Structure formats: structure tokens, C-alpha cells
Amino acid sequence: MTGTAAIHARGEPRPAAPPSDDLTEVELTWVEKRIENWIRFGREVSEQVLDRRRRVLRFAPDSVFAFVRWVANDYGTIASHIDVLRTTRAGEPQQTVPFVRPGGDILLKVEGWPKVERVLQMIDAIEATGIDPSDVSPDHWRHVHNRMVAGEQPRPYTVQLHKAFLLRRRVGS
């Protein structure tokens, strides 16, 4: 790749990758009906295929993405998780997450298939409004996390909330 942006798997141009020491790497694995680690949303800047079952995606600093991990055995699901993370810059505080190097700012962390499924439905609802979930306010993902931990229903993310977030971000920069 010399001088031109790569084309994203979804047909969108990829931005030029920042220096590799600032990238966050996520290792994805797919062993059908056993291990499924995938990205639900996010804008990776590069991809490396390790073998037919594994690949590594790299994300620029301050990117937001959802990482789903699911594991099963002969008797059914053993574990399921979804994490919404904001990538950090070198030297910034971060939390560790399996398969994410070096780590990130965890905005939402949910375990157990019923809760994971609810978050996936919320992501679908955000996309149905025409908003890319990776552009959603980080505060919304924290809100969803906190409400789910408390056993309460999170507020939906609306176009009006998104416009307010974009205005706040523009004024703050």
C-alpha cells in the first residue's frame, strides 16, 4: 500500500494508518461452533491474516469498536461477552481485555448471552437510525453498561442525542 488508502471490507476507503506503536490490535478467531471472536462495529485501519481461522485487526487511537467473544463445547455455550472499547494512545491509562493489545478504555462490558443479545439489538437499533455505532457518544455506551449492571432498561440513543453529542464535541475542540 503506497500512498493510497486501502479499501475497507465494506467498500469505504480506509484512513492512512498512524504509526504502529499507537495502534490497538485485536486478534479474531473463528472455529465454527467452538470459538467465535468478531468485531460487531468499528473502523479498522489494517488487517493481517494469520491463518484460515485467525486474523488481527488494527485500530487507530480514539476509535470505538465492539468486540464479541463466544465459546462453546459439546453441550452448548460456555461464555459470551461483548465489550465496547475506545482505543487509547501510548501512555494513556487503559484496561486489559483478552485478545486486545495493549488494551483500551472499556466503555461497556457485558457477559452472558441474554445480555450480549440485548446489546446487539441496541446496536441494530442505532444503525436503523442511520448512525454508525462507532460514532456514538462514549457516554452512551457507559450509560448502557451502568443501566444493565443495575438491571434497568437503558435509554435509546436517538438522532437528537447524537446531534447534541456532535455539537458538544465541536465546541470542546
C-alpha atoms as a PDB file:
ATOM      1  CA  MET A   1       0.000   0.000   0.000  1.00  0.00           C
ATOM      2  CA  THR A   2       1.941   3.002  -1.179  1.00  0.00           C
ATOM      3  CA  GLY A   3       0.372   6.415  -0.910  1.00  0.00           C
ATOM      4  CA  THR A   4      -3.257   5.334  -1.339  1.00  0.00           C
ATOM      5  CA  ALA A   5      -5.842   4.366   1.216  1.00  0.00           C
ATOM      6  CA  ALA A   6      -6.883   0.725   1.320  1.00  0.00           C
ATOM      7  CA  ILE A   7     -10.499  -0.105   0.626  1.00  0.00           C
ATOM      8  CA  HIS A   8     -12.374  -1.249   3.712  1.00  0.00           C
ATOM      9  CA  ALA A   9     -14.194  -4.585   3.531  1.00  0.00           C
ATOM     10  CA  ARG A  10     -17.466  -2.653   3.462  1.00  0.00           C
ATOM     11  CA  GLY A  11     -16.290  -0.663   0.415  1.00  0.00           C
ATOM     12  CA  GLU A  12     -15.332   2.519   2.302  1.00  0.00           C
ATOM     13  CA  PRO A  13     -11.806   3.952   1.967  1.00  0.00           C
ATOM     14  CA  ARG A  14      -9.611   3.332   4.988  1.00  0.00           C
ATOM     15  CA  PRO A  15      -7.752   6.264   6.508  1.00  0.00           C
ATOM     16  CA  ALA A  16      -3.963   6.124   6.419  1.00  0.00           C
ATOM     17  CA  ALA A  17      -2.691   4.126   9.407  1.00  0.00           C
ATOM     18  CA  PRO A  18      -0.994   6.038  12.238  1.00  0.00           C
ATOM     19  CA  PRO A  19       2.396   4.820  13.500  1.00  0.00           C
ATOM     20  CA  SER A  20       2.132   1.171  14.560  1.00  0.00           C
ATOM     21  CA  ASP A  21       3.104   1.852  18.196  1.00  0.00           C
ATOM     22  CA  ASP A  22      -0.172   3.775  18.610  1.00  0.00           C
ATOM     23  CA  LEU A  23      -2.385   1.078  17.082  1.00  0.00           C
ATOM     24  CA  THR A  24      -4.580  -1.268  19.083  1.00  0.00           C
ATOM     25  CA  GLU A  25      -4.563  -4.858  17.822  1.00  0.00           C
ATOM     26  CA  VAL A  26      -7.489  -7.243  18.168  1.00  0.00           C
ATOM     27  CA  GLU A  27      -6.983 -10.927  17.422  1.00  0.00           C
ATOM     28  CA  LEU A  28     -10.066 -12.555  15.918  1.00  0.00           C
ATOM     29  CA  THR A  29     -10.613 -16.314  15.879  1.00  0.00           C
ATOM     30  CA  TRP A  30     -13.306 -18.361  14.154  1.00  0.00           C
ATOM     31  CA  VAL A  31     -13.597 -22.086  14.823  1.00  0.00           C
ATOM     32  CA  GLU A  32     -17.159 -22.912  13.782  1.00  0.00           C
ATOM     33  CA  LYS A  33     -19.428 -23.838  16.706  1.00  0.00           C
ATOM     34  CA  ARG A  34     -16.467 -23.602  19.160  1.00  0.00           C
ATOM     35  CA  ILE A  35     -14.827 -20.171  19.254  1.00  0.00           C
ATOM     36  CA  GLU A  36     -16.124 -17.035  17.594  1.00  0.00           C
ATOM     37  CA  ASN A  37     -14.394 -13.714  18.262  1.00  0.00           C
ATOM     38  CA  TRP A  38     -15.567 -10.923  15.973  1.00  0.00           C
ATOM     39  CA  ILE A  39     -15.908  -7.167  15.652  1.00  0.00           C
ATOM     40  CA  ARG A  40     -19.555  -6.043  15.598  1.00  0.00           C
ATOM     41  CA  PHE A  41     -18.714  -2.466  14.606  1.00  0.00           C
ATOM     42  CA  GLY A  42     -15.652  -0.280  14.275  1.00  0.00           C
ATOM     43  CA  ARG A  43     -13.298   1.122  11.660  1.00  0.00           C
ATOM     44  CA  GLU A  44     -10.065  -0.822  11.448  1.00  0.00           C
ATOM     45  CA  VAL A  45      -7.097   0.743   9.672  1.00  0.00           C
ATOM     46  CA  SER A  46      -5.388  -2.521   8.757  1.00  0.00           C
ATOM     47  CA  GLU A  47      -5.833  -6.274   8.796  1.00  0.00           C
ATOM     48  CA  GLN A  48      -3.367  -9.156   8.934  1.00  0.00           C
ATOM     49  CA  VAL A  49      -4.500 -12.697   8.131  1.00  0.00           C
ATOM     50  CA  LEU A  50      -2.599 -15.163  10.335  1.00  0.00           C
ATOM     51  CA  ASP A  51      -4.190 -18.350   9.008  1.00  0.00           C
ATOM     52  CA  ARG A  52      -7.605 -19.525   7.842  1.00  0.00           C
ATOM     53  CA  ARG A  53      -9.054 -19.222  11.367  1.00  0.00           C
ATOM     54  CA  ARG A  54      -7.269 -16.179  12.770  1.00  0.00           C
ATOM     55  CA  ARG A  55      -6.623 -12.590  11.797  1.00  0.00           C
ATOM     56  CA  VAL A  56      -5.545  -9.379  13.515  1.00  0.00           C
ATOM     57  CA  LEU A  57      -7.334  -6.051  13.047  1.00  0.00           C
ATOM     58  CA  ARG A  58      -5.659  -2.777  13.975  1.00  0.00           C
ATOM     59  CA  PHE A  59      -7.487   0.345  15.144  1.00  0.00           C
ATOM     60  CA  ALA A  60      -6.266   3.947  15.323  1.00  0.00           C
ATOM     61  CA  PRO A  61      -6.230   5.849  18.643  1.00  0.00           C
ATOM     62  CA  ASP A  62      -9.630   7.162  19.819  1.00  0.00           C
ATOM     63  CA  SER A  63     -11.519   4.614  17.698  1.00  0.00           C
ATOM     64  CA  VAL A  64     -14.570   2.947  19.194  1.00  0.00           C
ATOM     65  CA  PHE A  65     -15.403  -0.666  18.411  1.00  0.00           C
ATOM     66  CA  ALA A  66     -17.449  -3.576  19.753  1.00  0.00           C
ATOM     67  CA  PHE A  67     -15.664  -6.887  20.325  1.00  0.00           C
ATOM     68  CA  VAL A  68     -17.781 -10.033  20.733  1.00  0.00           C
ATOM     69  CA  ARG A  69     -16.332 -13.244  22.213  1.00  0.00           C
ATOM     70  CA  TRP A  70     -18.272 -16.513  22.260  1.00  0.00           C
ATOM     71  CA  VAL A  71     -17.089 -20.006  23.279  1.00  0.00           C
ATOM     72  CA  ALA A  72     -18.977 -23.321  23.271  1.00  0.00           C
ATOM     73  CA  ASN A  73     -18.366 -27.000  23.927  1.00  0.00           C
ATOM     74  CA  ASP A  74     -20.331 -30.153  23.049  1.00  0.00           C
ATOM     75  CA  TYR A  75     -23.098 -29.130  25.463  1.00  0.00           C
ATOM     76  CA  GLY A  76     -23.613 -25.522  24.382  1.00  0.00           C
ATOM     77  CA  THR A  77     -22.393 -22.021  25.134  1.00  0.00           C
ATOM     78  CA  ILE A  78     -19.728 -21.741  27.824  1.00  0.00           C
ATOM     79  CA  ALA A  79     -19.136 -17.993  27.701  1.00  0.00           C
ATOM     80  CA  SER A  80     -20.250 -14.962  25.751  1.00  0.00           C
ATOM     81  CA  HIS A  81     -19.043 -11.373  26.132  1.00  0.00           C
ATOM     82  CA  ILE A  82     -19.323  -8.051  24.364  1.00  0.00           C
ATOM     83  CA  ASP A  83     -17.028  -5.129  25.088  1.00  0.00           C
ATOM     84  CA  VAL A  84     -17.291  -1.673  23.587  1.00  0.00           C
ATOM     85  CA  LEU A  85     -13.841  -0.116  23.755  1.00  0.00           C
ATOM     86  CA  ARG A  86     -12.209   3.175  22.917  1.00  0.00           C
ATOM     87  CA  THR A  87      -8.644   2.751  21.760  1.00  0.00           C
ATOM     88  CA  THR A  88      -6.022   4.737  23.631  1.00  0.00           C
ATOM     89  CA  ARG A  89      -2.707   6.369  22.810  1.00  0.00           C
ATOM     90  CA  ALA A  90       0.613   5.124  24.161  1.00  0.00           C
ATOM     91  CA  GLY A  91       0.925   6.180  27.810  1.00  0.00           C
ATOM     92  CA  GLU A  92      -2.830   6.673  28.355  1.00  0.00           C
ATOM     93  CA  PRO A  93      -4.498   4.632  31.109  1.00  0.00           C
ATOM     94  CA  GLN A  94      -6.210   1.506  29.815  1.00  0.00           C
ATOM     95  CA  GLN A  95      -7.799  -1.734  30.935  1.00  0.00           C
ATOM     96  CA  THR A  96      -6.845  -5.143  29.620  1.00  0.00           C
ATOM     97  CA  VAL A  97      -9.244  -7.239  27.566  1.00  0.00           C
ATOM     98  CA  PRO A  98      -8.430 -10.730  26.266  1.00  0.00           C
ATOM     99  CA  PHE A  99      -7.191 -10.675  22.648  1.00  0.00           C
ATOM    100  CA  VAL A 100      -6.841  -6.853  22.655  1.00  0.00           C
ATOM    101  CA  ARG A 101      -3.286  -5.468  22.712  1.00  0.00           C
ATOM    102  CA  PRO A 102      -2.315  -3.389  24.560  1.00  0.00           C
ATOM    103  CA  GLY A 103      -5.839  -2.774  25.917  1.00  0.00           C
ATOM    104  CA  GLY A 104      -8.314   0.085  25.826  1.00  0.00           C
ATOM    105  CA  ASP A 105     -10.800   2.252  27.634  1.00  0.00           C
ATOM    106  CA  ILE A 106     -13.722  -0.075  28.385  1.00  0.00           C
ATOM    107  CA  LEU A 107     -16.969   1.804  27.784  1.00  0.00           C
ATOM    108  CA  LEU A 108     -19.271  -1.218  28.099  1.00  0.00           C
ATOM    109  CA  LYS A 109     -18.629  -4.745  29.343  1.00  0.00           C
ATOM    110  CA  VAL A 110     -21.385  -7.363  29.338  1.00  0.00           C
ATOM    111  CA  GLU A 111     -21.275 -11.113  29.990  1.00  0.00           C
ATOM    112  CA  GLY A 112     -23.877 -13.816  29.358  1.00  0.00           C
ATOM    113  CA  TRP A 113     -25.754 -14.423  26.127  1.00  0.00           C
ATOM    114  CA  PRO A 114     -29.096 -12.779  27.106  1.00  0.00           C
ATOM    115  CA  LYS A 115     -27.305  -9.508  27.937  1.00  0.00           C
ATOM    116  CA  VAL A 116     -24.986  -9.747  24.929  1.00  0.00           C
ATOM    117  CA  GLU A 117     -28.031 -10.261  22.716  1.00  0.00           C
ATOM    118  CA  ARG A 118     -29.709  -7.154  24.224  1.00  0.00           C
ATOM    119  CA  VAL A 119     -26.629  -5.058  23.442  1.00  0.00           C
ATOM    120  CA  LEU A 120     -26.531  -6.419  19.879  1.00  0.00           C
ATOM    121  CA  GLN A 121     -30.198  -5.417  19.500  1.00  0.00           C
ATOM    122  CA  MET A 122     -29.367  -1.904  20.780  1.00  0.00           C
ATOM    123  CA  ILE A 123     -26.580  -1.665  18.205  1.00  0.00           C
ATOM    124  CA  ASP A 124     -29.047  -2.742  15.495  1.00  0.00           C
ATOM    125  CA  ALA A 125     -31.472  -0.030  16.663  1.00  0.00           C
ATOM    126  CA  ILE A 126     -28.731   2.633  16.480  1.00  0.00           C
ATOM    127  CA  GLU A 127     -27.836   1.521  12.960  1.00  0.00           C
ATOM    128  CA  ALA A 128     -31.529   1.648  11.998  1.00  0.00           C
ATOM    129  CA  THR A 129     -31.474   5.404  12.733  1.00  0.00           C
ATOM    130  CA  GLY A 130     -28.629   5.829  10.233  1.00  0.00           C
ATOM    131  CA  ILE A 131     -25.946   6.414  12.884  1.00  0.00           C
ATOM    132  CA  ASP A 132     -22.711   4.415  12.797  1.00  0.00           C
ATOM    133  CA  PRO A 133     -22.327   2.891  16.303  1.00  0.00           C
ATOM    134  CA  SER A 134     -18.610   3.755  16.278  1.00  0.00           C
ATOM    135  CA  ASP A 135     -19.635   7.458  16.158  1.00  0.00           C
ATOM    136  CA  VAL A 136     -21.959   7.191  19.188  1.00  0.00           C
ATOM    137  CA  SER A 137     -21.094   9.202  22.287  1.00  0.00           C
ATOM    138  CA  PRO A 138     -18.809   7.192  24.620  1.00  0.00           C
ATOM    139  CA  ASP A 139     -21.068   8.406  27.449  1.00  0.00           C
ATOM    140  CA  HIS A 140     -23.970   6.480  25.900  1.00  0.00           C
ATOM    141  CA  TRP A 141     -22.021   3.211  25.989  1.00  0.00           C
ATOM    142  CA  ARG A 142     -21.135   3.889  29.659  1.00  0.00           C
ATOM    143  CA  HIS A 143     -24.828   4.609  30.325  1.00  0.00           C
ATOM    144  CA  VAL A 144     -25.850   1.294  28.721  1.00  0.00           C
ATOM    145  CA  HIS A 145     -23.233  -0.554  30.795  1.00  0.00           C
ATOM    146  CA  ASN A 146     -24.339   1.056  34.063  1.00  0.00           C
ATOM    147  CA  ARG A 147     -28.061   0.514  33.449  1.00  0.00           C
ATOM    148  CA  MET A 148     -27.546  -3.135  32.505  1.00  0.00           C
ATOM    149  CA  VAL A 149     -25.419  -3.756  35.605  1.00  0.00           C
ATOM    150  CA  ALA A 150     -28.251  -2.250  37.679  1.00  0.00           C
ATOM    151  CA  GLY A 151     -30.830  -4.412  35.888  1.00  0.00           C
ATOM    152  CA  GLU A 152     -32.521  -1.367  34.381  1.00  0.00           C
ATOM    153  CA  GLN A 153     -33.503  -0.535  30.790  1.00  0.00           C
ATOM    154  CA  PRO A 154     -31.029   1.841  29.082  1.00  0.00           C
ATOM    155  CA  ARG A 155     -32.319   4.907  27.243  1.00  0.00           C
ATOM    156  CA  PRO A 156     -32.299   4.510  23.461  1.00  0.00           C
ATOM    157  CA  TYR A 157     -29.731   6.539  21.518  1.00  0.00           C
ATOM    158  CA  THR A 158     -31.640   8.981  19.331  1.00  0.00           C
ATOM    159  CA  VAL A 159     -30.731  11.258  16.459  1.00  0.00           C
ATOM    160  CA  GLN A 160     -31.320  14.238  18.798  1.00  0.00           C
ATOM    161  CA  LEU A 161     -28.859  12.849  21.384  1.00  0.00           C
ATOM    162  CA  HIS A 162     -26.334  12.232  18.624  1.00  0.00           C
ATOM    163  CA  LYS A 163     -26.660  15.784  17.289  1.00  0.00           C
ATOM    164  CA  ALA A 164     -26.154  17.143  20.821  1.00  0.00           C
ATOM    165  CA  PHE A 165     -23.049  14.967  21.250  1.00  0.00           C
ATOM    166  CA  LEU A 166     -21.587  16.176  17.941  1.00  0.00           C
ATOM    167  CA  LEU A 167     -22.217  19.822  18.937  1.00  0.00           C
ATOM    168  CA  ARG A 168     -20.590  19.276  22.361  1.00  0.00           C
ATOM    169  CA  ARG A 169     -17.577  17.657  20.700  1.00  0.00           C
ATOM    170  CA  ARG A 170     -17.242  20.513  18.182  1.00  0.00           C
ATOM    171  CA  VAL A 171     -17.442  23.184  20.909  1.00  0.00           C
ATOM    172  CA  GLY A 172     -14.966  21.299  23.115  1.00  0.00           C
ATOM    173  CA  SER A 173     -12.275  21.054  20.440  1.00  0.00           C
END
